[in-house]
Protein backbone atom coordinates (compact mmCIF):
# COMPACT_ATOMS: atom_id res chain seq x y z
CA UNK A 1 8.89 -13.96 11.46
CA UNK A 2 11.09 -13.77 8.41
CA UNK A 3 14.35 -15.71 8.37
CA UNK A 4 17.33 -13.61 9.42
CA UNK A 5 19.62 -12.88 6.49
CA UNK A 6 23.11 -14.17 7.22
CA UNK A 7 25.86 -11.88 5.96
CA UNK A 8 28.62 -13.87 7.64
CA UNK A 9 30.66 -16.81 6.36
CA UNK A 10 29.24 -19.08 9.12
CA UNK A 11 26.31 -20.99 7.52
CA UNK A 12 25.07 -22.70 10.71
CA UNK A 13 24.46 -19.34 12.35
CA UNK A 14 21.35 -18.76 10.23
CA UNK A 15 19.45 -21.65 11.75
CA UNK A 16 20.74 -21.00 15.27
CA UNK A 17 19.58 -17.37 15.26
CA UNK A 18 16.24 -18.14 13.62
CA UNK A 19 15.42 -20.96 16.07
CA UNK A 20 16.43 -18.89 19.12
CA UNK A 21 14.48 -15.79 18.05
CA UNK A 22 11.39 -17.77 17.03
CA UNK A 23 11.33 -19.60 20.38
CA UNK A 24 11.72 -16.33 22.31
CA UNK A 25 8.95 -14.59 20.36
CA UNK A 26 6.56 -17.50 20.75
CA UNK A 27 7.34 -18.55 24.33
CA UNK A 28 8.25 -15.29 26.04
CA UNK A 29 6.11 -12.82 24.11
CA UNK A 30 3.22 -15.23 23.56
CA UNK A 31 3.02 -14.59 19.83
CA UNK A 32 2.11 -17.25 17.29
CA UNK A 33 3.77 -17.75 13.96
CA UNK A 34 1.72 -16.69 10.93
CA UNK A 35 2.33 -16.05 7.26
CA UNK A 36 3.75 -12.66 6.34
CA UNK A 37 0.47 -11.56 4.74
CA UNK A 38 -1.66 -12.36 7.80
CA UNK A 39 0.71 -11.53 10.65
CA UNK A 40 0.01 -8.59 12.96
CA UNK A 41 3.71 -8.05 13.57
CA UNK A 42 6.76 -8.97 11.57
CA UNK A 43 10.18 -9.76 13.04
CA UNK A 44 13.02 -9.46 10.57
CA UNK A 45 16.73 -8.90 10.66
CA UNK A 46 20.19 -9.74 9.47
CA UNK A 47 23.29 -11.23 11.03
CA UNK A 48 26.02 -8.79 10.14
CA UNK A 49 29.07 -10.08 12.03
CA UNK A 50 30.27 -13.24 13.72
CA UNK A 51 33.50 -13.48 15.69
CA UNK A 52 33.85 -16.95 17.26
CA UNK A 53 37.30 -16.64 18.77
CA UNK A 54 38.03 -13.32 20.50
CA UNK A 55 40.69 -13.74 23.23
CA UNK A 56 39.77 -11.87 26.45
CA UNK A 57 41.79 -13.39 29.30
CA UNK A 58 45.40 -14.47 29.44
CA UNK A 59 47.73 -16.24 31.85
CA UNK A 60 51.47 -15.92 31.68
CA UNK A 61 54.01 -18.59 32.44
CA UNK A 62 57.35 -17.07 33.39
CA UNK A 63 59.12 -20.43 33.30
CA UNK A 64 58.83 -20.74 29.53
CA UNK A 65 57.93 -17.14 28.58
CA UNK A 66 54.58 -18.22 27.22
CA UNK A 67 51.18 -16.55 27.41
CA UNK A 68 48.09 -18.73 27.24
CA UNK A 69 44.57 -17.57 26.39
CA UNK A 70 42.28 -18.68 29.22
CA UNK A 71 38.93 -17.15 28.09
CA UNK A 72 37.51 -16.39 24.67
CA UNK A 73 34.36 -14.69 23.42
CA UNK A 74 31.85 -15.40 20.72
CA UNK A 75 30.41 -12.12 19.37
CA UNK A 76 27.31 -11.96 17.18
CA UNK A 77 26.13 -8.66 15.71
CA UNK A 78 22.63 -8.33 14.27
CA UNK A 79 20.20 -5.77 12.99
CA UNK A 80 16.64 -6.56 14.06
CA UNK A 81 13.29 -4.89 13.55
CA UNK A 82 9.74 -5.60 14.72
CA UNK A 83 7.10 -3.94 12.55
CA UNK A 84 3.36 -3.58 13.12
CA UNK A 85 1.97 -4.91 9.84
CA UNK A 86 -1.36 -3.09 10.19
CA UNK A 87 0.11 0.39 10.64
CA UNK A 88 3.53 -0.19 9.03
CA UNK A 89 4.99 1.36 12.16
CA UNK A 90 8.25 0.08 13.55
CA UNK A 91 7.57 -1.19 17.07
CA UNK A 92 11.23 -1.73 17.94
CA UNK A 93 14.49 -1.86 16.10
CA UNK A 94 18.16 -2.10 16.85
CA UNK A 95 21.02 -1.84 14.38
CA UNK A 96 24.43 -3.15 15.34
CA UNK A 97 23.22 -5.09 18.38
CA UNK A 98 26.25 -7.06 19.56
CA UNK A 99 25.88 -9.91 22.04
CA UNK A 100 28.62 -12.02 23.55
CA UNK A 101 29.15 -15.37 25.19
CA UNK A 102 32.40 -16.41 26.81
CA UNK A 103 34.01 -19.83 26.96
CA UNK A 104 37.20 -21.64 27.88
CA UNK A 105 39.41 -22.63 24.95
CA UNK A 106 39.13 -26.29 24.00
CA UNK A 107 37.09 -28.76 22.03
CA UNK A 108 33.42 -27.90 21.49
CA UNK A 109 33.41 -25.01 23.95
CA UNK A 110 32.89 -22.33 21.28
CA UNK A 111 29.38 -23.80 21.00
CA UNK A 112 28.78 -22.92 24.68
CA UNK A 113 29.79 -19.34 23.99
CA UNK A 114 27.49 -19.19 20.98
CA UNK A 115 24.54 -20.49 23.01
CA UNK A 116 25.17 -17.87 25.70
CA UNK A 117 25.32 -15.13 23.04
CA UNK A 118 22.05 -16.37 21.50
CA UNK A 119 20.37 -16.26 24.93
CA UNK A 120 21.49 -12.65 25.33
CA UNK A 121 20.20 -11.84 21.85
CA UNK A 122 16.74 -13.15 22.64
CA UNK A 123 16.65 -11.29 25.97
CA UNK A 124 17.45 -8.04 24.14
CA UNK A 125 14.74 -8.64 21.55
CA UNK A 126 12.08 -9.62 24.09
CA UNK A 127 12.87 -6.74 26.44
CA UNK A 128 12.96 -4.31 23.53
CA UNK A 129 9.59 -5.46 22.26
CA UNK A 130 8.03 -5.42 25.74
CA UNK A 131 9.27 -1.89 26.35
CA UNK A 132 7.13 -0.69 23.45
CA UNK A 133 3.87 -2.46 24.39
């Protein structure tokens, strides 16, 4: 697996995506990590968009004419490809794959949304790869 290229301004996302995808490939697909030259398959991709604070649910308060955001989303968009190194054939790829995780506004809860989005990312990658084997 090659490290995912991060095209977003969020530097910590690189490690989060790489760790999540590596764990999914090793644990759920049963593949072992190998050097690029000796690997049978290569997983590569890029993180193209990160939106950590998308409001999705609101509650109004008529007493003071205020609207509060009650739910927010983290959105991560990636391009990912799994290539058979021996045949140079693309096993599976997805451009513009957007995954989401929701959370309640407040301290440290954006992290919960990010973790949920990363879980959905790995499910998409694993299911995509399994559909081609």
